[in-house]
Amino acid sequence: MRSVALYFGSFNPIHKGHIALAEWVVEQGVCDELIFIVSPQNPLKSSTELAPEFSRYEMCEMACASSRFPDRIKVSAVEFVLEKPSYTINTLRYLREQFGSQMELSLLLGADNIECFDKWREYEEILRDYPLLVYPRPGYDVDESTMPTNVRLLAEAPVTDLSSTEIRAALIQSGDTSEMLHPAVKDYIIAHHLYRD
């Protein structure tokens, strides 16, 4: 059975930090495969600055294809066909029903998400049924000793101070984003006039 880490997010847009983390997780053998799950709408975030969902999916596809492990780092649009807003528990139930005999699923999430995890719908079920792989985020300290048993802190994972919010701001101001975005993603954003003020 394949172990698959699911990396949920808006990816608005996906950046080099996301891919560096995905590559590290795969390279370290944390999972056999990592799948970016592009969320059409996070119920805990505003949708005002979101690029169209299929644009965000296509940018993820480009970034994954340019990663060091394109056969093991992929993207899914599964949440596009499920009820909105996107609740992680609904997606997990759907994936388990469809692929539960082929995949062992875990969730990859940032330390910032642990602080608000109790706001997630039916979070107790997620904690009970799925391992959580927690990567460091600047400004967030996670004490593994206080976490439930199926939470694993990836303390050695690469820490990036890149944020999609800052990248959008840089794009609006025509700033240099070459260190932040994969070239194909940057070209896509320009070609499709995304993130214009």
C-alpha atoms as a PDB file:
ATOM      1  CA  MET A   1       0.000   0.000   0.000  1.00  0.00           C
ATOM      2  CA  ARG A   2       1.345   3.435  -0.950  1.00  0.00           C
ATOM      3  CA  SER A   3       1.784   6.044   1.745  1.00  0.00           C
ATOM      4  CA  VAL A   4       0.437   9.354   0.460  1.00  0.00           C
ATOM      5  CA  ALA A   5       0.835  12.716   2.187  1.00  0.00           C
ATOM      6  CA  LEU A   6      -1.880  15.213   1.331  1.00  0.00           C
ATOM      7  CA  TYR A   7      -0.831  18.859   1.306  1.00  0.00           C
ATOM      8  CA  PHE A   8      -4.008  20.978   1.403  1.00  0.00           C
ATOM      9  CA  GLY A   9      -3.960  24.666   0.563  1.00  0.00           C
ATOM     10  CA  SER A  10      -5.120  27.536  -1.604  1.00  0.00           C
ATOM     11  CA  PHE A  11      -1.701  27.716  -3.326  1.00  0.00           C
ATOM     12  CA  ASN A  12      -2.498  31.256  -4.367  1.00  0.00           C
ATOM     13  CA  PRO A  13       0.031  31.025  -5.995  1.00  0.00           C
ATOM     14  CA  ILE A  14       2.188  27.968  -5.372  1.00  0.00           C
ATOM     15  CA  HIS A  15       5.800  29.022  -4.733  1.00  0.00           C
ATOM     16  CA  LYS A  16       9.287  27.552  -4.424  1.00  0.00           C
ATOM     17  CA  GLY A  17       8.852  27.072  -0.673  1.00  0.00           C
ATOM     18  CA  HIS A  18       5.907  24.717  -1.215  1.00  0.00           C
ATOM     19  CA  ILE A  19       7.887  22.628  -3.694  1.00  0.00           C
ATOM     20  CA  ALA A  20      11.069  22.590  -1.561  1.00  0.00           C
ATOM     21  CA  LEU A  21       9.036  21.195   1.339  1.00  0.00           C
ATOM     22  CA  ALA A  22       7.350  18.595  -0.883  1.00  0.00           C
ATOM     23  CA  GLU A  23      10.736  17.490  -2.277  1.00  0.00           C
ATOM     24  CA  TRP A  24      12.184  17.193   1.243  1.00  0.00           C
ATOM     25  CA  VAL A  25       9.240  15.109   2.491  1.00  0.00           C
ATOM     26  CA  VAL A  26       9.544  12.689  -0.441  1.00  0.00           C
ATOM     27  CA  GLU A  27      13.360  12.575  -0.300  1.00  0.00           C
ATOM     28  CA  GLN A  28      13.334  11.761   3.419  1.00  0.00           C
ATOM     29  CA  GLY A  29      10.983   8.839   2.847  1.00  0.00           C
ATOM     30  CA  VAL A  30       8.220  10.396   4.939  1.00  0.00           C
ATOM     31  CA  CYS A  31       5.810   9.197   2.221  1.00  0.00           C
ATOM     32  CA  ASP A  32       5.894   7.429  -1.133  1.00  0.00           C
ATOM     33  CA  GLU A  33       3.976  10.213  -2.826  1.00  0.00           C
ATOM     34  CA  LEU A  34       2.852  13.745  -2.013  1.00  0.00           C
ATOM     35  CA  ILE A  35      -0.287  15.257  -3.475  1.00  0.00           C
ATOM     36  CA  PHE A  36      -1.141  18.947  -3.413  1.00  0.00           C
ATOM     37  CA  ILE A  37      -4.897  19.306  -2.801  1.00  0.00           C
ATOM     38  CA  VAL A  38      -5.949  22.666  -4.228  1.00  0.00           C
ATOM     39  CA  SER A  39      -8.814  24.052  -2.153  1.00  0.00           C
ATOM     40  CA  PRO A  40     -11.393  26.107  -4.092  1.00  0.00           C
ATOM     41  CA  GLN A  41     -12.298  27.926  -0.870  1.00  0.00           C
ATOM     42  CA  ASN A  42     -10.848  27.509   2.607  1.00  0.00           C
ATOM     43  CA  PRO A  43     -13.762  28.048   5.049  1.00  0.00           C
ATOM     44  CA  LEU A  44     -11.389  29.830   7.459  1.00  0.00           C
ATOM     45  CA  LYS A  45     -10.044  32.320   4.876  1.00  0.00           C
ATOM     46  CA  SER A  46     -11.387  35.152   2.752  1.00  0.00           C
ATOM     47  CA  SER A  47     -11.882  34.423  -0.953  1.00  0.00           C
ATOM     48  CA  THR A  48     -11.416  38.012  -2.137  1.00  0.00           C
ATOM     49  CA  GLU A  49      -7.837  37.581  -3.417  1.00  0.00           C
ATOM     50  CA  LEU A  50      -8.176  34.054  -4.786  1.00  0.00           C
ATOM     51  CA  ALA A  51      -7.201  33.413  -8.391  1.00  0.00           C
ATOM     52  CA  PRO A  52      -9.618  31.097 -10.237  1.00  0.00           C
ATOM     53  CA  GLU A  53      -9.362  27.549  -8.926  1.00  0.00           C
ATOM     54  CA  PHE A  54      -8.339  26.028 -12.259  1.00  0.00           C
ATOM     55  CA  SER A  55      -5.587  28.628 -12.631  1.00  0.00           C
ATOM     56  CA  ARG A  56      -4.235  27.655  -9.224  1.00  0.00           C
ATOM     57  CA  TYR A  57      -4.469  23.990 -10.198  1.00  0.00           C
ATOM     58  CA  GLU A  58      -2.591  24.561 -13.453  1.00  0.00           C
ATOM     59  CA  MET A  59       0.154  26.501 -11.674  1.00  0.00           C
ATOM     60  CA  CYS A  60       0.515  23.631  -9.189  1.00  0.00           C
ATOM     61  CA  GLU A  61       0.725  21.184 -12.074  1.00  0.00           C
ATOM     62  CA  MET A  62       3.574  23.202 -13.614  1.00  0.00           C
ATOM     63  CA  ALA A  63       5.432  23.504 -10.314  1.00  0.00           C
ATOM     64  CA  CYS A  64       5.093  19.766  -9.599  1.00  0.00           C
ATOM     65  CA  ALA A  65       6.292  18.889 -13.096  1.00  0.00           C
ATOM     66  CA  SER A  66       9.404  21.012 -12.544  1.00  0.00           C
ATOM     67  CA  SER A  67      10.167  19.433  -9.152  1.00  0.00           C
ATOM     68  CA  ARG A  68      12.949  16.907  -8.614  1.00  0.00           C
ATOM     69  CA  PHE A  69      10.353  14.122  -8.199  1.00  0.00           C
ATOM     70  CA  PRO A  70       7.635  14.775 -10.818  1.00  0.00           C
ATOM     71  CA  ASP A  71       6.492  11.149 -10.658  1.00  0.00           C
ATOM     72  CA  ARG A  72       5.973  11.360  -6.877  1.00  0.00           C
ATOM     73  CA  ILE A  73       4.842  14.973  -6.361  1.00  0.00           C
ATOM     74  CA  LYS A  74       1.451  15.589  -7.950  1.00  0.00           C
ATOM     75  CA  VAL A  75      -1.646  17.742  -7.703  1.00  0.00           C
ATOM     76  CA  SER A  76      -5.324  16.896  -7.361  1.00  0.00           C
ATOM     77  CA  ALA A  77      -8.490  18.838  -8.173  1.00  0.00           C
ATOM     78  CA  VAL A  78     -10.643  16.493  -6.084  1.00  0.00           C
ATOM     79  CA  GLU A  79     -12.101  19.339  -4.022  1.00  0.00           C
ATOM     80  CA  PHE A  80     -13.406  21.036  -7.172  1.00  0.00           C
ATOM     81  CA  VAL A  81     -16.081  18.333  -7.482  1.00  0.00           C
ATOM     82  CA  LEU A  82     -16.990  18.125  -3.796  1.00  0.00           C
ATOM     83  CA  GLU A  83     -19.370  20.308  -1.823  1.00  0.00           C
ATOM     84  CA  LYS A  84     -18.151  23.841  -1.107  1.00  0.00           C
ATOM     85  CA  PRO A  85     -16.778  25.299   1.048  1.00  0.00           C
ATOM     86  CA  SER A  86     -14.042  22.671   1.218  1.00  0.00           C
ATOM     87  CA  TYR A  87     -13.902  20.815   4.505  1.00  0.00           C
ATOM     88  CA  THR A  88     -10.866  18.570   4.899  1.00  0.00           C
ATOM     89  CA  ILE A  89     -12.876  15.840   6.612  1.00  0.00           C
ATOM     90  CA  ASN A  90     -15.225  15.546   3.616  1.00  0.00           C
ATOM     91  CA  THR A  91     -12.285  15.224   1.228  1.00  0.00           C
ATOM     92  CA  LEU A  92     -10.607  12.619   3.417  1.00  0.00           C
ATOM     93  CA  ARG A  93     -13.789  10.555   3.650  1.00  0.00           C
ATOM     94  CA  TYR A  94     -14.215  10.714  -0.119  1.00  0.00           C
ATOM     95  CA  LEU A  95     -10.598   9.687  -0.794  1.00  0.00           C
ATOM     96  CA  ARG A  96     -10.752   6.872   1.736  1.00  0.00           C
ATOM     97  CA  GLU A  97     -13.950   5.574   0.142  1.00  0.00           C
ATOM     98  CA  GLN A  98     -12.449   5.732  -3.361  1.00  0.00           C
ATOM     99  CA  PHE A  99      -8.828   4.729  -2.707  1.00  0.00           C
ATOM    100  CA  GLY A 100      -8.660   3.430   0.858  1.00  0.00           C
ATOM    101  CA  SER A 101      -7.485  -0.011  -0.229  1.00  0.00           C
ATOM    102  CA  GLN A 102      -4.602   1.467  -2.255  1.00  0.00           C
ATOM    103  CA  MET A 103      -3.397   4.406  -0.153  1.00  0.00           C
ATOM    104  CA  GLU A 104      -2.430   5.108   3.421  1.00  0.00           C
ATOM    105  CA  LEU A 105      -3.249   8.799   3.838  1.00  0.00           C
ATOM    106  CA  SER A 106      -1.613  11.398   6.075  1.00  0.00           C
ATOM    107  CA  LEU A 107      -1.885  15.199   6.235  1.00  0.00           C
ATOM    108  CA  LEU A 108       1.015  17.591   5.813  1.00  0.00           C
ATOM    109  CA  LEU A 109       0.349  20.913   7.520  1.00  0.00           C
ATOM    110  CA  GLY A 110       2.200  23.884   8.919  1.00  0.00           C
ATOM    111  CA  ALA A 111       2.747  24.588  12.597  1.00  0.00           C
ATOM    112  CA  ASP A 112       0.471  27.621  12.214  1.00  0.00           C
ATOM    113  CA  ASN A 113      -2.435  25.274  11.453  1.00  0.00           C
ATOM    114  CA  ILE A 114      -1.942  23.313  14.667  1.00  0.00           C
ATOM    115  CA  GLU A 115      -2.880  26.408  16.661  1.00  0.00           C
ATOM    116  CA  CYS A 116      -6.311  26.575  15.024  1.00  0.00           C
ATOM    117  CA  PHE A 117      -6.798  22.865  14.349  1.00  0.00           C
ATOM    118  CA  ASP A 118      -9.662  22.650  16.825  1.00  0.00           C
ATOM    119  CA  LYS A 119     -11.620  25.001  14.527  1.00  0.00           C
ATOM    120  CA  TRP A 120     -11.528  22.458  11.685  1.00  0.00           C
ATOM    121  CA  ARG A 121     -14.770  20.590  11.091  1.00  0.00           C
ATOM    122  CA  GLU A 122     -14.777  17.249  12.954  1.00  0.00           C
ATOM    123  CA  TYR A 123     -11.112  17.625  13.769  1.00  0.00           C
ATOM    124  CA  GLU A 124     -11.313  14.816  16.345  1.00  0.00           C
ATOM    125  CA  GLU A 125     -12.031  12.322  13.565  1.00  0.00           C
ATOM    126  CA  ILE A 126      -9.095  13.627  11.529  1.00  0.00           C
ATOM    127  CA  LEU A 127      -6.781  13.295  14.537  1.00  0.00           C
ATOM    128  CA  ARG A 128      -8.037   9.798  15.247  1.00  0.00           C
ATOM    129  CA  ASP A 129      -7.856   8.408  11.722  1.00  0.00           C
ATOM    130  CA  TYR A 130      -5.009  10.224   9.952  1.00  0.00           C
ATOM    131  CA  PRO A 131      -1.394  10.906  10.934  1.00  0.00           C
ATOM    132  CA  LEU A 132      -0.527  14.611  10.928  1.00  0.00           C
ATOM    133  CA  LEU A 133       2.897  15.620   9.605  1.00  0.00           C
ATOM    134  CA  VAL A 134       3.671  19.081  10.967  1.00  0.00           C
ATOM    135  CA  TYR A 135       6.369  21.235   9.381  1.00  0.00           C
ATOM    136  CA  PRO A 136       7.896  24.332  11.051  1.00  0.00           C
ATOM    137  CA  ARG A 137       6.668  27.829  10.266  1.00  0.00           C
ATOM    138  CA  PRO A 138       8.489  31.014  11.312  1.00  0.00           C
ATOM    139  CA  GLY A 139       7.031  32.385  14.527  1.00  0.00           C
ATOM    140  CA  TYR A 140       5.218  29.185  15.543  1.00  0.00           C
ATOM    141  CA  ASP A 141       6.628  26.824  18.153  1.00  0.00           C
ATOM    142  CA  VAL A 142       5.205  23.334  18.425  1.00  0.00           C
ATOM    143  CA  ASP A 143       5.914  21.195  21.484  1.00  0.00           C
ATOM    144  CA  GLU A 144       5.699  17.621  20.209  1.00  0.00           C
ATOM    145  CA  SER A 145       5.368  16.286  23.763  1.00  0.00           C
ATOM    146  CA  THR A 146       1.973  18.012  24.110  1.00  0.00           C
ATOM    147  CA  MET A 147       0.667  16.717  20.763  1.00  0.00           C
ATOM    148  CA  PRO A 148      -1.548  13.646  20.252  1.00  0.00           C
ATOM    149  CA  THR A 149       0.335  10.443  19.464  1.00  0.00           C
ATOM    150  CA  ASN A 150      -0.278  10.481  15.710  1.00  0.00           C
ATOM    151  CA  VAL A 151       1.193  13.970  15.247  1.00  0.00           C
ATOM    152  CA  ARG A 152       4.750  13.902  13.919  1.00  0.00           C
ATOM    153  CA  LEU A 153       6.831  17.049  13.985  1.00  0.00           C
ATOM    154  CA  LEU A 154       9.116  17.307  10.956  1.00  0.00           C
ATOM    155  CA  ALA A 155      11.615  19.425  12.837  1.00  0.00           C
ATOM    156  CA  GLU A 156      14.299  19.159  10.133  1.00  0.00           C
ATOM    157  CA  ALA A 157      12.025  20.197   7.273  1.00  0.00           C
ATOM    158  CA  PRO A 158      13.117  23.322   5.377  1.00  0.00           C
ATOM    159  CA  VAL A 159      11.698  26.520   6.831  1.00  0.00           C
ATOM    160  CA  THR A 160      10.778  29.204   4.338  1.00  0.00           C
ATOM    161  CA  ASP A 161       9.701  32.758   4.965  1.00  0.00           C
ATOM    162  CA  LEU A 162       8.020  32.907   1.567  1.00  0.00           C
ATOM    163  CA  SER A 163       4.316  33.626   1.666  1.00  0.00           C
ATOM    164  CA  SER A 164       1.762  33.737  -1.120  1.00  0.00           C
ATOM    165  CA  THR A 165       0.442  37.013   0.334  1.00  0.00           C
ATOM    166  CA  GLU A 166       3.845  38.695  -0.068  1.00  0.00           C
ATOM    167  CA  ILE A 167       4.251  37.253  -3.542  1.00  0.00           C
ATOM    168  CA  ARG A 168       0.889  38.665  -4.639  1.00  0.00           C
ATOM    169  CA  ALA A 169       1.927  42.063  -3.278  1.00  0.00           C
ATOM    170  CA  ALA A 170       5.225  41.871  -5.179  1.00  0.00           C
ATOM    171  CA  LEU A 171       3.388  40.942  -8.382  1.00  0.00           C
ATOM    172  CA  ILE A 172       1.006  43.899  -8.020  1.00  0.00           C
ATOM    173  CA  GLN A 173       4.014  46.219  -7.610  1.00  0.00           C
ATOM    174  CA  SER A 174       5.859  44.545 -10.507  1.00  0.00           C
ATOM    175  CA  GLY A 175       8.556  43.420  -8.085  1.00  0.00           C
ATOM    176  CA  ASP A 176      11.092  40.679  -8.740  1.00  0.00           C
ATOM    177  CA  THR A 177       9.590  37.280  -7.914  1.00  0.00           C
ATOM    178  CA  SER A 178      12.209  35.122  -9.642  1.00  0.00           C
ATOM    179  CA  GLU A 179      13.516  33.789  -6.298  1.00  0.00           C
ATOM    180  CA  MET A 180       9.970  32.980  -5.183  1.00  0.00           C
ATOM    181  CA  LEU A 181       8.228  31.435  -8.193  1.00  0.00           C
ATOM    182  CA  HIS A 182       9.124  28.742 -10.690  1.00  0.00           C
ATOM    183  CA  PRO A 183       9.592  30.365 -14.132  1.00  0.00           C
ATOM    184  CA  ALA A 184       6.619  28.536 -15.672  1.00  0.00           C
ATOM    185  CA  VAL A 185       4.368  29.712 -12.825  1.00  0.00           C
ATOM    186  CA  LYS A 186       5.541  33.306 -13.186  1.00  0.00           C
ATOM    187  CA  ASP A 187       4.979  33.193 -16.953  1.00  0.00           C
ATOM    188  CA  TYR A 188       1.491  31.765 -16.407  1.00  0.00           C
ATOM    189  CA  ILE A 189       0.598  34.553 -13.967  1.00  0.00           C
ATOM    190  CA  ILE A 190       1.749  37.217 -16.440  1.00  0.00           C
ATOM    191  CA  ALA A 191       0.027  35.564 -19.423  1.00  0.00           C
ATOM    192  CA  HIS A 192      -3.285  35.256 -17.559  1.00  0.00           C
ATOM    193  CA  HIS A 193      -3.111  38.691 -15.891  1.00  0.00           C
ATOM    194  CA  LEU A 194      -3.482  37.233 -12.400  1.00  0.00           C
ATOM    195  CA  TYR A 195      -3.070  39.162  -9.154  1.00  0.00           C
ATOM    196  CA  ARG A 196      -3.462  42.574 -10.717  1.00  0.00           C
ATOM    197  CA  ASP A 197      -4.507  45.319  -8.328  1.00  0.00           C
END
